[in-house]
Amino acid sequence: MASSLSRPTDLLSDLPWLSTGLLANAKPVKLATNEILFRAGDPGDGCYRVNDGLLKVSMVSPTGAERILAIFGPGAIVGDMAMIDGRPRSAAVSGLRDCNLSFVSRAAFEAVAAKNPEIYKHLLSLLAARLREQTRLSRSERFCR
């Protein structure tokens, strides 16, 4: 299983003016250690900002083996792909430690993005950084076999 403690890539800290607009109406969410935030296939109805704690992003193989894709701490955003496509979740997210999160619905995000379309550039940069990290990890796993 490959994992990495991902750097806190925080869309909202990159765009401080945005945090007041989005987080002002964000719903606070508490997640206990080992509690599931969402599973792969669940509706992509919004994203979560980690205010405190640690989250694990993982997938389960057809054989039932868990693969940890990333570990996110304070400042990170999870579920952000739903902001772009609204499709079901592609991975599961659960608490590695007790977490305090802020939930931003897709509708709230779209309302703010309609007035500030530059947010999409930052969101795509965030997703591209994660894809590059997963590619790097995948390559290093192949060399270790």
Protein backbone atom coordinates (compact mmCIF):
# COMPACT_ATOMS: atom_id res chain seq x y z
CA MET A 1 0.00 0.00 0.00
CA ALA A 2 1.43 3.34 -0.96
CA SER A 3 0.54 6.42 0.96
CA SER A 4 1.79 9.91 1.36
CA LEU A 5 0.99 12.72 3.70
CA SER A 6 -0.06 15.17 1.07
CA ARG A 7 0.96 18.75 1.43
CA PRO A 8 -1.97 20.90 2.48
CA THR A 9 -3.05 22.14 -0.91
CA ASP A 10 -5.77 24.52 0.08
CA LEU A 11 -7.75 26.21 -2.65
CA LEU A 12 -9.08 28.67 -0.12
CA SER A 13 -5.69 29.80 1.19
CA ASP A 14 -4.58 30.40 -2.41
CA LEU A 15 -7.63 32.63 -2.87
CA PRO A 16 -8.23 34.29 0.53
CA TRP A 17 -11.15 36.40 -0.75
CA LEU A 18 -12.89 33.17 -1.66
CA SER A 19 -12.81 31.67 1.82
CA THR A 20 -15.16 34.30 3.18
CA GLY A 21 -17.66 33.67 0.40
CA LEU A 22 -17.61 29.88 0.53
CA LEU A 23 -16.88 29.16 4.17
CA ALA A 24 -19.27 31.78 5.50
CA ASN A 25 -22.16 29.38 4.87
CA ALA A 26 -20.24 26.11 5.11
CA LYS A 27 -21.79 23.44 7.28
CA PRO A 28 -19.57 22.26 10.16
CA VAL A 29 -19.06 18.49 10.20
CA LYS A 30 -17.45 16.37 12.92
CA LEU A 31 -15.93 13.03 11.95
CA ALA A 32 -14.66 10.50 14.48
CA THR A 33 -11.58 8.32 14.09
CA ASN A 34 -12.37 5.45 11.68
CA GLU A 35 -15.73 6.99 10.73
CA ILE A 36 -16.49 7.04 7.01
CA LEU A 37 -17.10 10.47 5.49
CA PHE A 38 -18.13 9.03 2.12
CA ARG A 39 -17.63 5.90 0.04
CA ALA A 40 -16.73 5.45 -3.62
CA GLY A 41 -19.98 5.70 -5.57
CA ASP A 42 -21.70 8.10 -3.14
CA PRO A 43 -23.17 11.27 -4.69
CA GLY A 44 -20.66 14.05 -5.40
CA ASP A 45 -22.68 16.74 -3.69
CA GLY A 46 -19.88 18.97 -2.42
CA CYS A 47 -16.44 19.14 -0.88
CA TYR A 48 -14.96 19.27 2.60
CA ARG A 49 -12.19 21.42 4.04
CA VAL A 50 -10.16 19.83 6.83
CA ASN A 51 -9.98 22.33 9.70
CA ASP A 52 -8.49 19.89 12.19
CA GLY A 53 -7.58 16.17 12.13
CA LEU A 54 -6.46 13.66 9.49
CA LEU A 55 -8.39 12.03 6.66
CA LYS A 56 -7.51 8.92 4.66
CA VAL A 57 -8.47 8.65 0.99
CA SER A 58 -8.58 5.04 -0.21
CA MET A 59 -9.91 2.58 -2.75
CA VAL A 60 -10.69 -1.12 -2.46
CA SER A 61 -9.44 -3.52 -5.13
CA PRO A 62 -11.67 -6.25 -6.60
CA THR A 63 -9.87 -8.69 -4.27
CA GLY A 64 -10.85 -6.58 -1.24
CA ALA A 65 -7.40 -5.10 -0.56
CA GLU A 66 -7.36 -1.46 0.52
CA ARG A 67 -5.04 0.97 -1.24
CA ILE A 68 -4.42 4.27 0.52
CA LEU A 69 -4.21 7.04 -2.05
CA ALA A 70 -3.52 9.98 0.25
CA ILE A 71 -3.64 11.31 3.77
CA PHE A 72 -4.83 14.86 4.24
CA GLY A 73 -4.49 17.19 7.20
CA PRO A 74 -5.57 20.70 8.13
CA GLY A 75 -6.09 23.03 5.19
CA ALA A 76 -6.72 20.26 2.66
CA ILE A 77 -9.82 19.94 0.51
CA VAL A 78 -11.39 16.53 -0.23
CA GLY A 79 -14.24 15.74 -2.58
CA ASP A 80 -13.26 18.60 -4.86
CA MET A 81 -13.64 16.60 -8.09
CA ALA A 82 -17.38 16.80 -7.45
CA MET A 83 -17.09 20.57 -7.84
CA ILE A 84 -16.11 20.06 -11.46
CA ASP A 85 -18.24 17.17 -12.65
CA GLY A 86 -20.87 16.40 -10.00
CA ARG A 87 -20.33 12.68 -10.58
CA PRO A 88 -20.25 10.03 -7.84
CA ARG A 89 -17.26 9.82 -5.51
CA SER A 90 -14.27 8.01 -6.98
CA ALA A 91 -12.74 6.98 -3.63
CA ALA A 92 -13.62 6.55 0.01
CA VAL A 93 -12.65 9.03 2.72
CA SER A 94 -12.51 8.25 6.42
CA GLY A 95 -11.06 9.75 9.58
CA LEU A 96 -7.62 8.67 10.73
CA ARG A 97 -8.09 11.00 13.70
CA ASP A 98 -11.08 12.95 14.95
CA CYS A 99 -11.77 15.71 12.43
CA ASN A 100 -13.51 19.04 12.23
CA LEU A 101 -14.52 19.77 8.66
CA SER A 102 -16.41 22.42 6.71
CA PHE A 103 -18.79 21.16 4.02
CA VAL A 104 -19.33 23.33 0.93
CA SER A 105 -22.19 22.19 -1.27
CA ARG A 106 -21.76 22.04 -5.01
CA ALA A 107 -24.59 24.57 -5.41
CA ALA A 108 -22.84 27.05 -3.09
CA PHE A 109 -19.57 26.55 -4.95
CA GLU A 110 -21.20 27.09 -8.34
CA ALA A 111 -22.87 30.30 -7.15
CA VAL A 112 -19.53 31.73 -6.03
CA ALA A 113 -17.70 30.41 -9.13
CA ALA A 114 -20.26 32.05 -11.43
CA LYS A 115 -19.11 35.41 -10.06
CA ASN A 116 -15.44 34.40 -9.85
CA PRO A 117 -14.63 31.97 -12.70
CA GLU A 118 -10.88 32.15 -11.98
CA ILE A 119 -11.54 29.68 -9.17
CA TYR A 120 -11.62 26.91 -11.79
CA LYS A 121 -7.99 27.57 -12.74
CA HIS A 122 -6.94 27.12 -9.12
CA LEU A 123 -9.11 24.03 -8.70
CA LEU A 124 -7.60 22.44 -11.81
CA SER A 125 -4.09 23.20 -10.52
CA LEU A 126 -4.96 21.47 -7.25
CA LEU A 127 -6.26 18.39 -9.08
CA ALA A 128 -3.27 18.32 -11.44
CA ALA A 129 -0.88 18.36 -8.46
CA ARG A 130 -2.69 15.38 -6.95
CA LEU A 131 -2.61 13.49 -10.25
CA ARG A 132 1.12 14.10 -10.58
CA GLU A 133 1.69 12.84 -7.03
CA GLN A 134 -0.32 9.68 -7.71
CA THR A 135 1.64 9.10 -10.93
CA ARG A 136 4.90 9.50 -9.03
CA LEU A 137 3.77 7.03 -6.36
CA SER A 138 2.57 4.55 -8.97
CA ARG A 139 5.92 4.64 -10.75
CA SER A 140 7.89 4.16 -7.53
CA GLU A 141 5.71 1.15 -6.62
CA ARG A 142 6.46 -0.52 -9.94
CA PHE A 143 10.20 -0.12 -9.40
CA CYS A 144 9.93 -1.68 -5.92
CA ARG A 145 8.44 -4.95 -7.16
